[in-house]
Amino acid sequence: MTFRITGLSPEPFRPLFDLSDAALQSRGIRRVIADDLRMPCRVSMAHAELGEELLLLNYEHQPALTPYRSTHAIYVRPNASYLQVHYARRGCYAGRVERAC
């Protein structure tokens, strides 16, 4: 069985970082500063650094027209364009994964 694991594409989120806080708020989005090491970016699939800017927004991750259609709050970092992959065991860095254009 073959799997392909990816973070979300950064493209739809990039223009949002240029909006004012009022414009973001009108879209139901909040600009936040990471104050906890457990704020995961869903583009890079890595936790934000303390003090790093993030957007907190609602994302439709299951768009199928079924009873299981679903959205949830996610964090997105402004410059996230690659993934850092680790195995579950301590000290087991697997590698960097970049998007193929």
PDB file of N, CA and C in Angstrom:
ATOM      1  N   MET A   1       0.845  -1.166   0.000  1.00  0.00           N
ATOM      2  CA  MET A   1       0.000   0.000   0.000  1.00  0.00           C
ATOM      3  C   MET A   1       0.900   1.242   0.000  1.00  0.00           C
ATOM      4  N   THR A   2       0.578   2.221  -0.822  1.00  0.00           N
ATOM      5  CA  THR A   2       1.374   3.435  -0.947  1.00  0.00           C
ATOM      6  C   THR A   2       0.611   4.617  -0.371  1.00  0.00           C
ATOM      7  N   PHE A   3       1.320   5.480   0.359  1.00  0.00           N
ATOM      8  CA  PHE A   3       0.738   6.682   0.931  1.00  0.00           C
ATOM      9  C   PHE A   3       1.543   7.890   0.489  1.00  0.00           C
ATOM     10  N   ARG A   4       0.902   9.034   0.416  1.00  0.00           N
ATOM     11  CA  ARG A   4       1.573  10.302   0.146  1.00  0.00           C
ATOM     12  C   ARG A   4       1.096  11.273   1.213  1.00  0.00           C
ATOM     13  N   ILE A   5       1.988  11.750   2.047  1.00  0.00           N
ATOM     14  CA  ILE A   5       1.641  12.644   3.147  1.00  0.00           C
ATOM     15  C   ILE A   5       2.123  14.041   2.798  1.00  0.00           C
ATOM     16  N   THR A   6       1.222  15.015   2.866  1.00  0.00           N
ATOM     17  CA  THR A   6       1.592  16.389   2.556  1.00  0.00           C
ATOM     18  C   THR A   6       0.964  17.337   3.566  1.00  0.00           C
ATOM     19  N   GLY A   7       1.606  18.462   3.737  1.00  0.00           N
ATOM     20  CA  GLY A   7       0.988  19.560   4.463  1.00  0.00           C
ATOM     21  C   GLY A   7       0.070  20.287   3.484  1.00  0.00           C
ATOM     22  N   LEU A   8      -0.684  21.236   3.974  1.00  0.00           N
ATOM     23  CA  LEU A   8      -1.539  22.022   3.092  1.00  0.00           C
ATOM     24  C   LEU A   8      -0.677  22.902   2.195  1.00  0.00           C
ATOM     25  N   SER A   9      -1.167  23.229   1.022  1.00  0.00           N
ATOM     26  CA  SER A   9      -0.459  24.133   0.130  1.00  0.00           C
ATOM     27  C   SER A   9      -0.394  25.519   0.769  1.00  0.00           C
ATOM     28  N   PRO A  10       0.753  26.184   0.724  1.00  0.00           N
ATOM     29  CA  PRO A  10       0.857  27.522   1.311  1.00  0.00           C
ATOM     30  C   PRO A  10       0.186  28.601   0.465  1.00  0.00           C
ATOM     31  N   GLU A  11      -0.040  28.326  -0.819  1.00  0.00           N
ATOM     32  CA  GLU A  11      -0.527  29.351  -1.747  1.00  0.00           C
ATOM     33  C   GLU A  11      -1.820  30.051  -1.319  1.00  0.00           C
ATOM     34  N   PRO A  12      -2.859  29.345  -0.904  1.00  0.00           N
ATOM     35  CA  PRO A  12      -4.102  30.053  -0.550  1.00  0.00           C
ATOM     36  C   PRO A  12      -3.957  30.950   0.678  1.00  0.00           C
ATOM     37  N   PHE A  13      -2.954  30.701   1.506  1.00  0.00           N
ATOM     38  CA  PHE A  13      -2.812  31.435   2.755  1.00  0.00           C
ATOM     39  C   PHE A  13      -1.890  32.653   2.634  1.00  0.00           C
ATOM     40  N   ARG A  14      -0.973  32.656   1.666  1.00  0.00           N
ATOM     41  CA  ARG A  14       0.023  33.733   1.551  1.00  0.00           C
ATOM     42  C   ARG A  14      -0.595  35.127   1.491  1.00  0.00           C
ATOM     43  N   PRO A  15      -1.622  35.377   0.668  1.00  0.00           N
ATOM     44  CA  PRO A  15      -2.195  36.735   0.611  1.00  0.00           C
ATOM     45  C   PRO A  15      -2.814  37.190   1.931  1.00  0.00           C
ATOM     46  N   LEU A  16      -3.216  36.271   2.757  1.00  0.00           N
ATOM     47  CA  LEU A  16      -3.853  36.628   4.023  1.00  0.00           C
ATOM     48  C   LEU A  16      -2.901  37.356   4.965  1.00  0.00           C
ATOM     49  N   PHE A  17      -1.613  37.049   4.894  1.00  0.00           N
ATOM     50  CA  PHE A  17      -0.648  37.675   5.798  1.00  0.00           C
ATOM     51  C   PHE A  17      -0.460  39.158   5.507  1.00  0.00           C
ATOM     52  N   ASP A  18      -0.855  39.613   4.312  1.00  0.00           N
ATOM     53  CA  ASP A  18      -0.749  41.027   3.952  1.00  0.00           C
ATOM     54  C   ASP A  18      -1.961  41.841   4.384  1.00  0.00           C
ATOM     55  N   LEU A  19      -3.011  41.190   4.847  1.00  0.00           N
ATOM     56  CA  LEU A  19      -4.229  41.890   5.257  1.00  0.00           C
ATOM     57  C   LEU A  19      -4.069  42.501   6.646  1.00  0.00           C
ATOM     58  N   SER A  20      -4.807  43.574   6.887  1.00  0.00           N
ATOM     59  CA  SER A  20      -4.819  44.191   8.214  1.00  0.00           C
ATOM     60  C   SER A  20      -5.554  43.274   9.186  1.00  0.00           C
ATOM     61  N   ASP A  21      -5.370  43.534  10.476  1.00  0.00           N
ATOM     62  CA  ASP A  21      -6.079  42.727  11.473  1.00  0.00           C
ATOM     63  C   ASP A  21      -7.589  42.880  11.322  1.00  0.00           C
ATOM     64  N   ALA A  22      -8.061  44.090  10.962  1.00  0.00           N
ATOM     65  CA  ALA A  22      -9.497  44.310  10.779  1.00  0.00           C
ATOM     66  C   ALA A  22     -10.019  43.507   9.584  1.00  0.00           C
ATOM     67  N   ALA A  23      -9.246  43.481   8.486  1.00  0.00           N
ATOM     68  CA  ALA A  23      -9.660  42.707   7.312  1.00  0.00           C
ATOM     69  C   ALA A  23      -9.669  41.213   7.619  1.00  0.00           C
ATOM     70  N   LEU A  24      -8.675  40.754   8.391  1.00  0.00           N
ATOM     71  CA  LEU A  24      -8.662  39.348   8.792  1.00  0.00           C
ATOM     72  C   LEU A  24      -9.882  39.031   9.654  1.00  0.00           C
ATOM     73  N   GLN A  25     -10.150  39.906  10.617  1.00  0.00           N
ATOM     74  CA  GLN A  25     -11.274  39.676  11.526  1.00  0.00           C
ATOM     75  C   GLN A  25     -12.595  39.590  10.760  1.00  0.00           C
ATOM     76  N   SER A  26     -12.737  40.387   9.697  1.00  0.00           N
ATOM     77  CA  SER A  26     -13.981  40.339   8.916  1.00  0.00           C
ATOM     78  C   SER A  26     -14.145  39.000   8.208  1.00  0.00           C
ATOM     79  N   ARG A  27     -13.047  38.253   8.066  1.00  0.00           N
ATOM     80  CA  ARG A  27     -13.082  36.915   7.461  1.00  0.00           C
ATOM     81  C   ARG A  27     -13.065  35.806   8.508  1.00  0.00           C
ATOM     82  N   GLY A  28     -13.124  36.193   9.781  1.00  0.00           N
ATOM     83  CA  GLY A  28     -13.118  35.195  10.852  1.00  0.00           C
ATOM     84  C   GLY A  28     -11.733  34.634  11.130  1.00  0.00           C
ATOM     85  N   ILE A  29     -10.688  35.404  10.825  1.00  0.00           N
ATOM     86  CA  ILE A  29      -9.300  34.967  10.989  1.00  0.00           C
ATOM     87  C   ILE A  29      -8.629  35.853  12.037  1.00  0.00           C
ATOM     88  N   ARG A  30      -7.772  35.254  12.861  1.00  0.00           N
ATOM     89  CA  ARG A  30      -7.017  36.020  13.851  1.00  0.00           C
ATOM     90  C   ARG A  30      -5.523  35.881  13.613  1.00  0.00           C
ATOM     91  N   ARG A  31      -4.810  37.006  13.695  1.00  0.00           N
ATOM     92  CA  ARG A  31      -3.343  36.976  13.688  1.00  0.00           C
ATOM     93  C   ARG A  31      -2.912  36.787  15.144  1.00  0.00           C
ATOM     94  N   VAL A  32      -2.081  35.798  15.392  1.00  0.00           N
ATOM     95  CA  VAL A  32      -1.622  35.519  16.753  1.00  0.00           C
ATOM     96  C   VAL A  32      -0.106  35.383  16.756  1.00  0.00           C
ATOM     97  N   ILE A  33       0.455  35.546  17.931  1.00  0.00           N
ATOM     98  CA  ILE A  33       1.890  35.337  18.134  1.00  0.00           C
ATOM     99  C   ILE A  33       2.041  34.078  18.974  1.00  0.00           C
ATOM    100  N   ALA A  34       2.867  33.162  18.508  1.00  0.00           N
ATOM    101  CA  ALA A  34       3.039  31.881  19.203  1.00  0.00           C
ATOM    102  C   ALA A  34       3.558  32.112  20.620  1.00  0.00           C
ATOM    103  N   ASP A  35       2.786  31.651  21.592  1.00  0.00           N
ATOM    104  CA  ASP A  35       3.189  31.760  22.994  1.00  0.00           C
ATOM    105  C   ASP A  35       3.237  30.387  23.656  1.00  0.00           C
ATOM    106  N   ASP A  36       3.188  29.367  22.837  1.00  0.00           N
ATOM    107  CA  ASP A  36       3.204  27.985  23.311  1.00  0.00           C
ATOM    108  C   ASP A  36       3.929  27.161  22.251  1.00  0.00           C
ATOM    109  N   LEU A  37       4.703  26.205  22.669  1.00  0.00           N
ATOM    110  CA  LEU A  37       5.448  25.380  21.711  1.00  0.00           C
ATOM    111  C   LEU A  37       4.580  24.335  21.029  1.00  0.00           C
ATOM    112  N   ARG A  38       3.289  24.299  21.361  1.00  0.00           N
ATOM    113  CA  ARG A  38       2.385  23.310  20.774  1.00  0.00           C
ATOM    114  C   ARG A  38       1.366  23.965  19.842  1.00  0.00           C
ATOM    115  N   MET A  39       1.844  24.849  18.960  1.00  0.00           N
ATOM    116  CA  MET A  39       0.967  25.504  17.987  1.00  0.00           C
ATOM    117  C   MET A  39       1.398  25.024  16.600  1.00  0.00           C
ATOM    118  N   PRO A  40       0.800  23.925  16.103  1.00  0.00           N
ATOM    119  CA  PRO A  40       1.271  23.295  14.869  1.00  0.00           C
ATOM    120  C   PRO A  40       0.775  23.986  13.603  1.00  0.00           C
ATOM    121  N   CYS A  41       1.689  24.273  12.704  1.00  0.00           N
ATOM    122  CA  CYS A  41       1.351  24.814  11.391  1.00  0.00           C
ATOM    123  C   CYS A  41       0.918  23.646  10.515  1.00  0.00           C
ATOM    124  N   ARG A  42      -0.182  23.802   9.804  1.00  0.00           N
ATOM    125  CA  ARG A  42      -0.692  22.723   8.955  1.00  0.00           C
ATOM    126  C   ARG A  42      -0.158  22.780   7.526  1.00  0.00           C
ATOM    127  N   VAL A  43       0.741  23.733   7.254  1.00  0.00           N
ATOM    128  CA  VAL A  43       1.458  23.751   5.982  1.00  0.00           C
ATOM    129  C   VAL A  43       2.783  23.018   6.154  1.00  0.00           C
ATOM    130  N   SER A  44       3.564  23.441   7.153  1.00  0.00           N
ATOM    131  CA  SER A  44       4.873  22.823   7.380  1.00  0.00           C
ATOM    132  C   SER A  44       4.788  21.566   8.236  1.00  0.00           C
ATOM    133  N   MET A  45       3.664  21.391   8.925  1.00  0.00           N
ATOM    134  CA  MET A  45       3.476  20.271   9.848  1.00  0.00           C
ATOM    135  C   MET A  45       4.540  20.272  10.947  1.00  0.00           C
ATOM    136  N   ALA A  46       4.904  21.486  11.362  1.00  0.00           N
ATOM    137  CA  ALA A  46       5.865  21.669  12.454  1.00  0.00           C
ATOM    138  C   ALA A  46       5.278  22.694  13.421  1.00  0.00           C
ATOM    139  N   HIS A  47       5.708  22.642  14.662  1.00  0.00           N
ATOM    140  CA  HIS A  47       5.248  23.601  15.654  1.00  0.00           C
ATOM    141  C   HIS A  47       5.928  24.946  15.426  1.00  0.00           C
ATOM    142  N   ALA A  48       5.201  26.023  15.661  1.00  0.00           N
ATOM    143  CA  ALA A  48       5.744  27.370  15.520  1.00  0.00           C
ATOM    144  C   ALA A  48       6.782  27.636  16.607  1.00  0.00           C
ATOM    145  N   GLU A  49       7.716  28.513  16.289  1.00  0.00           N
ATOM    146  CA  GLU A  49       8.691  28.983  17.276  1.00  0.00           C
ATOM    147  C   GLU A  49       8.008  30.011  18.170  1.00  0.00           C
ATOM    148  N   LEU A  50       8.422  30.115  19.425  1.00  0.00           N
ATOM    149  CA  LEU A  50       7.878  31.138  20.317  1.00  0.00           C
ATOM    150  C   LEU A  50       8.102  32.507  19.693  1.00  0.00           C
ATOM    151  N   GLY A  51       7.079  33.342  19.703  1.00  0.00           N
ATOM    152  CA  GLY A  51       7.168  34.682  19.146  1.00  0.00           C
ATOM    153  C   GLY A  51       6.885  34.768  17.654  1.00  0.00           C
ATOM    154  N   GLU A  52       6.686  33.630  16.998  1.00  0.00           N
ATOM    155  CA  GLU A  52       6.437  33.619  15.564  1.00  0.00           C
ATOM    156  C   GLU A  52       4.989  34.002  15.256  1.00  0.00           C
ATOM    157  N   GLU A  53       4.794  34.741  14.165  1.00  0.00           N
ATOM    158  CA  GLU A  53       3.456  35.128  13.715  1.00  0.00           C
ATOM    159  C   GLU A  53       2.750  33.935  13.078  1.00  0.00           C
ATOM    160  N   LEU A  54       1.476  33.803  13.395  1.00  0.00           N
ATOM    161  CA  LEU A  54       0.627  32.749  12.822  1.00  0.00           C
ATOM    162  C   LEU A  54      -0.733  33.336  12.492  1.00  0.00           C
ATOM    163  N   LEU A  55      -1.421  32.679  11.604  1.00  0.00           N
ATOM    164  CA  LEU A  55      -2.831  32.971  11.414  1.00  0.00           C
ATOM    165  C   LEU A  55      -3.618  31.798  11.966  1.00  0.00           C
ATOM    166  N   LEU A  56      -4.677  32.107  12.682  1.00  0.00           N
ATOM    167  CA  LEU A  56      -5.593  31.098  13.214  1.00  0.00           C
ATOM    168  C   LEU A  56      -6.893  31.255  12.428  1.00  0.00           C
ATOM    169  N   LEU A  57      -7.253  30.202  11.694  1.00  0.00           N
ATOM    170  CA  LEU A  57      -8.419  30.285  10.833  1.00  0.00           C
ATOM    171  C   LEU A  57      -9.139  28.957  10.753  1.00  0.00           C
ATOM    172  N   ASN A  58     -10.354  29.018  10.253  1.00  0.00           N
ATOM    173  CA  ASN A  58     -11.132  27.805  10.072  1.00  0.00           C
ATOM    174  C   ASN A  58     -10.841  27.253   8.687  1.00  0.00           C
ATOM    175  N   TYR A  59     -10.631  25.942   8.609  1.00  0.00           N
ATOM    176  CA  TYR A  59     -10.271  25.294   7.351  1.00  0.00           C
ATOM    177  C   TYR A  59     -11.175  24.078   7.132  1.00  0.00           C
ATOM    178  N   GLU A  60     -11.727  23.970   5.929  1.00  0.00           N
ATOM    179  CA  GLU A  60     -12.574  22.825   5.596  1.00  0.00           C
ATOM    180  C   GLU A  60     -11.673  21.688   5.109  1.00  0.00           C
ATOM    181  N   HIS A  61     -11.380  20.763   6.014  1.00  0.00           N
ATOM    182  CA  HIS A  61     -10.466  19.668   5.673  1.00  0.00           C
ATOM    183  C   HIS A  61     -11.181  18.439   5.119  1.00  0.00           C
ATOM    184  N   GLN A  62     -12.480  18.376   5.255  1.00  0.00           N
ATOM    185  CA  GLN A  62     -13.262  17.266   4.697  1.00  0.00           C
ATOM    186  C   GLN A  62     -14.438  17.879   3.944  1.00  0.00           C
ATOM    187  N   PRO A  63     -14.221  18.242   2.648  1.00  0.00           N
ATOM    188  CA  PRO A  63     -15.252  18.953   1.904  1.00  0.00           C
ATOM    189  C   PRO A  63     -16.337  18.070   1.279  1.00  0.00           C
ATOM    190  N   ALA A  64     -16.229  16.765   1.407  1.00  0.00           N
ATOM    191  CA  ALA A  64     -17.202  15.865   0.773  1.00  0.00           C
ATOM    192  C   ALA A  64     -18.614  16.159   1.271  1.00  0.00           C
ATOM    193  N   LEU A  65     -19.564  16.105   0.380  1.00  0.00           N
ATOM    194  CA  LEU A  65     -20.948  16.373   0.733  1.00  0.00           C
ATOM    195  C   LEU A  65     -21.560  15.123   1.366  1.00  0.00           C
ATOM    196  N   THR A  66     -21.170  14.881   2.607  1.00  0.00           N
ATOM    197  CA  THR A  66     -21.631  13.740   3.385  1.00  0.00           C
ATOM    198  C   THR A  66     -21.892  14.213   4.810  1.00  0.00           C
ATOM    199  N   PRO A  67     -22.454  13.384   5.660  1.00  0.00           N
ATOM    200  CA  PRO A  67     -22.608  13.755   7.066  1.00  0.00           C
ATOM    201  C   PRO A  67     -21.263  13.990   7.769  1.00  0.00           C
ATOM    202  N   TYR A  68     -20.149  13.560   7.159  1.00  0.00           N
ATOM    203  CA  TYR A  68     -18.830  13.702   7.774  1.00  0.00           C
ATOM    204  C   TYR A  68     -18.085  14.948   7.301  1.00  0.00           C
ATOM    205  N   ARG A  69     -18.743  15.780   6.475  1.00  0.00           N
ATOM    206  CA  ARG A  69     -18.133  17.041   6.054  1.00  0.00           C
ATOM    207  C   ARG A  69     -17.694  17.790   7.305  1.00  0.00           C
ATOM    208  N   SER A  70     -16.468  18.384   7.259  1.00  0.00           N
ATOM    209  CA  SER A  70     -15.951  18.933   8.497  1.00  0.00           C
ATOM    210  C   SER A  70     -14.976  20.086   8.270  1.00  0.00           C
ATOM    211  N   THR A  71     -14.989  21.026   9.211  1.00  0.00           N
ATOM    212  CA  THR A  71     -14.021  22.119   9.263  1.00  0.00           C
ATOM    213  C   THR A  71     -13.449  22.179  10.671  1.00  0.00           C
ATOM    214  N   HIS A  72     -12.291  22.818  10.789  1.00  0.00           N
ATOM    215  CA  HIS A  72     -11.694  22.966  12.111  1.00  0.00           C
ATOM    216  C   HIS A  72     -10.697  24.106  12.093  1.00  0.00           C
ATOM    217  N   ALA A  73     -10.364  24.619  13.262  1.00  0.00           N
ATOM    218  CA  ALA A  73      -9.380  25.689  13.390  1.00  0.00           C
ATOM    219  C   ALA A  73      -7.980  25.138  13.146  1.00  0.00           C
ATOM    220  N   ILE A  74      -7.177  25.893  12.381  1.00  0.00           N
ATOM    221  CA  ILE A  74      -5.782  25.521  12.133  1.00  0.00           C
ATOM    222  C   ILE A  74      -4.902  26.748  12.280  1.00  0.00           C
ATOM    223  N   TYR A  75      -3.610  26.512  12.511  1.00  0.00           N
ATOM    224  CA  TYR A  75      -2.599  27.566  12.484  1.00  0.00           C
ATOM    225  C   TYR A  75      -1.815  27.444  11.187  1.00  0.00           C
ATOM    226  N   VAL A  76      -1.420  28.611  10.642  1.00  0.00           N
ATOM    227  CA  VAL A  76      -0.601  28.653   9.435  1.00  0.00           C
ATOM    228  C   VAL A  76       0.519  29.666   9.653  1.00  0.00           C
ATOM    229  N   ARG A  77       1.753  29.278   9.313  1.00  0.00           N
ATOM    230  CA  ARG A  77       2.919  30.161   9.416  1.00  0.00           C
ATOM    231  C   ARG A  77       3.123  30.876   8.075  1.00  0.00           C
ATOM    232  N   PRO A  78       3.681  32.093   8.080  1.00  0.00           N
ATOM    233  CA  PRO A  78       3.802  32.856   6.835  1.00  0.00           C
ATOM    234  C   PRO A  78       4.807  32.301   5.831  1.00  0.00           C
ATOM    235  N   ASN A  79       5.852  31.674   6.263  1.00  0.00           N
ATOM    236  CA  ASN A  79       6.898  31.231   5.331  1.00  0.00           C
ATOM    237  C   ASN A  79       7.069  29.719   5.312  1.00  0.00           C
ATOM    238  N   ALA A  80       6.011  28.995   5.570  1.00  0.00           N
ATOM    239  CA  ALA A  80       6.084  27.533   5.600  1.00  0.00           C
ATOM    240  C   ALA A  80       5.932  27.005   4.169  1.00  0.00           C
ATOM    241  N   SER A  81       6.962  26.406   3.613  1.00  0.00           N
ATOM    242  CA  SER A  81       6.870  25.829   2.243  1.00  0.00           C
ATOM    243  C   SER A  81       7.493  24.481   2.153  1.00  0.00           C
ATOM    244  N   TYR A  82       7.936  23.816   3.271  1.00  0.00           N
ATOM    245  CA  TYR A  82       8.498  22.471   3.245  1.00  0.00           C
ATOM    246  C   TYR A  82       8.145  21.762   4.549  1.00  0.00           C
ATOM    247  N   LEU A  83       8.365  20.433   4.597  1.00  0.00           N
ATOM    248  CA  LEU A  83       8.073  19.618   5.775  1.00  0.00           C
ATOM    249  C   LEU A  83       9.364  19.080   6.363  1.00  0.00           C
ATOM    250  N   GLN A  84       9.409  18.962   7.666  1.00  0.00           N
ATOM    251  CA  GLN A  84      10.494  18.276   8.352  1.00  0.00           C
ATOM    252  C   GLN A  84       9.897  16.977   8.873  1.00  0.00           C
ATOM    253  N   VAL A  85      10.453  15.860   8.471  1.00  0.00           N
ATOM    254  CA  VAL A  85       9.885  14.561   8.803  1.00  0.00           C
ATOM    255  C   VAL A  85      10.732  13.877   9.864  1.00  0.00           C
ATOM    256  N   HIS A  86      10.060  13.369  10.893  1.00  0.00           N
ATOM    257  CA  HIS A  86      10.721  12.665  11.990  1.00  0.00           C
ATOM    258  C   HIS A  86       9.995  11.353  12.251  1.00  0.00           C
ATOM    259  N   TYR A  87      10.726  10.376  12.714  1.00  0.00           N
ATOM    260  CA  TYR A  87      10.104   9.141  13.194  1.00  0.00           C
ATOM    261  C   TYR A  87       9.675   9.366  14.636  1.00  0.00           C
ATOM    262  N   ALA A  88       8.863   8.505  15.170  1.00  0.00           N
ATOM    263  CA  ALA A  88       8.325   8.687  16.511  1.00  0.00           C
ATOM    264  C   ALA A  88       9.383   8.556  17.608  1.00  0.00           C
ATOM    265  N   ARG A  89      10.456   7.879  17.340  1.00  0.00           N
ATOM    266  CA  ARG A  89      11.479   7.668  18.373  1.00  0.00           C
ATOM    267  C   ARG A  89      12.355   8.904  18.523  1.00  0.00           C
ATOM    268  N   ARG A  90      12.847   9.138  19.705  1.00  0.00           N
ATOM    269  CA  ARG A  90      13.695  10.296  19.998  1.00  0.00           C
ATOM    270  C   ARG A  90      14.963  10.268  19.139  1.00  0.00           C
ATOM    271  N   GLY A  91      15.308  11.429  18.595  1.00  0.00           N
ATOM    272  CA  GLY A  91      16.537  11.550  17.822  1.00  0.00           C
ATOM    273  C   GLY A  91      16.477  10.941  16.433  1.00  0.00           C
ATOM    274  N   CYS A  92      15.298  10.701  15.915  1.00  0.00           N
ATOM    275  CA  CYS A  92      15.172  10.005  14.627  1.00  0.00           C
ATOM    276  C   CYS A  92      14.677  10.947  13.538  1.00  0.00           C
ATOM    277  N   TYR A  93      15.545  11.879  13.129  1.00  0.00           N
ATOM    278  CA  TYR A  93      15.220  12.792  12.033  1.00  0.00           C
ATOM    279  C   TYR A  93      15.220  12.008  10.732  1.00  0.00           C
ATOM    280  N   ALA A  94      14.149  12.128   9.951  1.00  0.00           N
ATOM    281  CA  ALA A  94      14.044  11.365   8.703  1.00  0.00           C
ATOM    282  C   ALA A  94      14.494  12.177   7.501  1.00  0.00           C
ATOM    283  N   GLY A  95      14.160  13.476   7.451  1.00  0.00           N
ATOM    284  CA  GLY A  95      14.589  14.281   6.336  1.00  0.00           C
ATOM    285  C   GLY A  95      13.656  15.441   6.062  1.00  0.00           C
ATOM    286  N   ARG A  96      14.045  16.240   5.072  1.00  0.00           N
ATOM    287  CA  ARG A  96      13.282  17.389   4.647  1.00  0.00           C
ATOM    288  C   ARG A  96      12.547  17.038   3.358  1.00  0.00           C
ATOM    289  N   VAL A  97      11.286  17.405   3.266  1.00  0.00           N
ATOM    290  CA  VAL A  97      10.475  17.138   2.087  1.00  0.00           C
ATOM    291  C   VAL A  97      10.064  18.475   1.505  1.00  0.00           C
ATOM    292  N   GLU A  98      10.422  18.708   0.240  1.00  0.00           N
ATOM    293  CA  GLU A  98      10.055  19.947  -0.426  1.00  0.00           C
ATOM    294  C   GLU A  98       9.001  19.690  -1.484  1.00  0.00           C
ATOM    295  N   ARG A  99       8.182  20.676  -1.754  1.00  0.00           N
ATOM    296  CA  ARG A  99       7.142  20.546  -2.770  1.00  0.00           C
ATOM    297  C   ARG A  99       7.762  20.539  -4.151  1.00  0.00           C
ATOM    298  N   ALA A 100       7.324  19.634  -4.991  1.00  0.00           N
ATOM    299  CA  ALA A 100       7.752  19.606  -6.383  1.00  0.00           C
ATOM    300  C   ALA A 100       6.861  20.571  -7.164  1.00  0.00           C
ATOM    301  N   CYS A 101       7.446  21.450  -7.921  1.00  0.00           N
ATOM    302  CA  CYS A 101       6.661  22.434  -8.675  1.00  0.00           C
ATOM    303  C   CYS A 101       6.214  21.896 -10.002  1.00  0.00           C
TER     304      CYS A 101
END
